[in-house]
């Protein structure tokens, strides 16, 4: 069974940057679509960035131009580079497969953007 372990979150000031990492155990090569999701207090979980194994990416409008998703198949890992962070980016961030490739949710990593 595939498992996802997120790391790299923390407290950052507005305008700052963070790089999140997702370690994937199991058959990573079989997960064609990977995504980063976030859930803010009192809100539903939302997909913020996705990447297909061929390399195409998509982003939520709220993060477009600021976040970059990438995957390293050799390391069974997915990353989310977050720049120009805003207070509204504060949330718990999760990685998971998208659609048919969705698996069990990990613990997530907390990102807090505050001065």
Protein backbone atom coordinates (compact mmCIF):
# COMPACT_ATOMS: atom_id res chain seq x y z
CA UNK A 1 0.00 0.00 0.00
CA UNK A 2 1.28 3.44 -0.91
CA UNK A 3 2.01 5.85 1.94
CA UNK A 4 2.70 9.59 1.83
CA UNK A 5 4.84 11.47 4.37
CA UNK A 6 4.92 15.24 4.13
CA UNK A 7 7.59 17.53 5.59
CA UNK A 8 9.03 21.01 5.28
CA UNK A 9 6.28 23.15 6.76
CA UNK A 10 6.80 25.87 9.33
CA UNK A 11 6.22 29.47 10.27
CA UNK A 12 7.19 32.04 7.67
CA UNK A 13 6.60 35.75 7.24
CA UNK A 14 4.46 37.09 4.38
CA UNK A 15 6.52 37.20 1.21
CA UNK A 16 8.72 34.34 2.35
CA UNK A 17 9.32 30.92 0.83
CA UNK A 18 9.08 27.28 1.86
CA UNK A 19 9.77 24.01 0.08
CA UNK A 20 7.57 21.08 0.99
CA UNK A 21 8.64 17.49 0.41
CA UNK A 22 6.56 14.35 0.08
CA UNK A 23 8.18 10.95 0.47
CA UNK A 24 6.20 8.18 -1.19
CA UNK A 25 6.57 4.55 -0.24
CA UNK A 26 5.23 1.77 -2.40
CA UNK A 27 4.61 1.75 -6.13
CA UNK A 28 5.34 5.41 -6.82
CA UNK A 29 6.00 4.74 -10.50
CA UNK A 30 2.39 3.55 -10.89
CA UNK A 31 0.93 6.82 -9.58
CA UNK A 32 0.56 8.79 -12.77
CA UNK A 33 -0.97 11.87 -11.18
CA UNK A 34 0.31 13.41 -7.94
CA UNK A 35 -1.04 16.44 -6.16
CA UNK A 36 -0.49 18.80 -3.28
CA UNK A 37 -3.61 19.67 -1.32
CA UNK A 38 -4.26 21.99 1.59
CA UNK A 39 -6.89 22.40 4.25
CA UNK A 40 -7.32 25.62 6.17
CA UNK A 41 -9.28 25.77 9.45
CA UNK A 42 -12.99 25.57 8.79
CA UNK A 43 -12.52 24.96 5.07
CA UNK A 44 -12.63 21.95 2.79
CA UNK A 45 -9.47 20.36 1.51
CA UNK A 46 -8.51 21.75 -1.90
CA UNK A 47 -6.10 20.74 -4.63
CA UNK A 48 -3.49 23.46 -5.13
CA UNK A 49 -1.07 21.81 -7.57
CA UNK A 50 -0.93 18.65 -9.64
CA UNK A 51 1.64 16.94 -11.82
CA UNK A 52 1.32 14.10 -14.28
CA UNK A 53 4.19 11.67 -14.74
CA UNK A 54 4.86 13.06 -18.20
CA UNK A 55 5.55 16.40 -16.55
CA UNK A 56 2.48 18.52 -17.21
CA UNK A 57 1.35 20.60 -14.26
CA UNK A 58 -1.72 22.51 -13.16
CA UNK A 59 -2.35 24.99 -10.35
CA UNK A 60 -5.21 26.56 -8.51
CA UNK A 61 -5.68 30.16 -9.54
CA UNK A 62 -4.86 31.29 -6.01
CA UNK A 63 -1.29 29.93 -6.22
CA UNK A 64 -0.52 30.23 -9.92
CA UNK A 65 2.80 31.98 -10.50
CA UNK A 66 3.87 31.51 -6.86
CA UNK A 67 3.94 27.73 -6.34
CA UNK A 68 5.81 25.12 -8.36
CA UNK A 69 5.23 21.37 -8.14
CA UNK A 70 7.84 18.85 -9.21
CA UNK A 71 8.45 15.14 -8.87
CA UNK A 72 11.59 13.02 -8.73
CA UNK A 73 10.76 9.48 -9.78
CA UNK A 74 14.23 8.26 -8.85
CA UNK A 75 13.71 9.42 -5.26
CA UNK A 76 10.00 8.58 -5.00
CA UNK A 77 9.36 12.17 -4.03
CA UNK A 78 7.18 15.13 -4.88
CA UNK A 79 7.98 18.72 -3.96
CA UNK A 80 6.13 22.00 -3.69
CA UNK A 81 8.15 25.19 -3.89
CA UNK A 82 6.12 28.02 -2.42
CA UNK A 83 7.20 31.62 -2.97
CA UNK A 84 5.64 34.97 -2.13
CA UNK A 85 3.62 33.35 0.61
CA UNK A 86 0.50 35.08 1.88
CA UNK A 87 -1.40 34.73 5.16
CA UNK A 88 -4.21 33.03 3.24
CA UNK A 89 -1.79 30.22 2.34
CA UNK A 90 -1.88 29.15 5.98
CA UNK A 91 -3.11 25.55 6.08
CA UNK A 92 -2.12 21.95 6.57
CA UNK A 93 -0.60 20.71 3.32
CA UNK A 94 -0.94 17.12 2.12
CA UNK A 95 0.30 15.17 -0.86
CA UNK A 96 -1.64 12.34 -2.44
CA UNK A 97 -2.38 10.75 -5.75
CA UNK A 98 -5.06 12.44 -7.81
CA UNK A 99 -8.30 10.86 -8.92
CA UNK A 100 -7.92 7.13 -9.46
CA UNK A 101 -4.52 7.24 -7.78
CA UNK A 102 -5.76 8.74 -4.51
CA UNK A 103 -4.67 6.75 -1.48
CA UNK A 104 -4.74 7.12 2.27
CA UNK A 105 -4.02 10.58 3.62
CA UNK A 106 -0.86 11.25 5.61
CA UNK A 107 -0.45 13.56 8.60
CA UNK A 108 0.27 16.60 6.48
CA UNK A 109 2.62 19.45 7.29
CA UNK A 110 1.52 22.75 8.82
CA UNK A 111 2.33 25.97 6.98
CA UNK A 112 1.70 29.20 8.84
CA UNK A 113 2.24 32.55 7.17
CA UNK A 114 2.23 35.34 9.69
CA UNK A 115 4.20 38.38 10.74
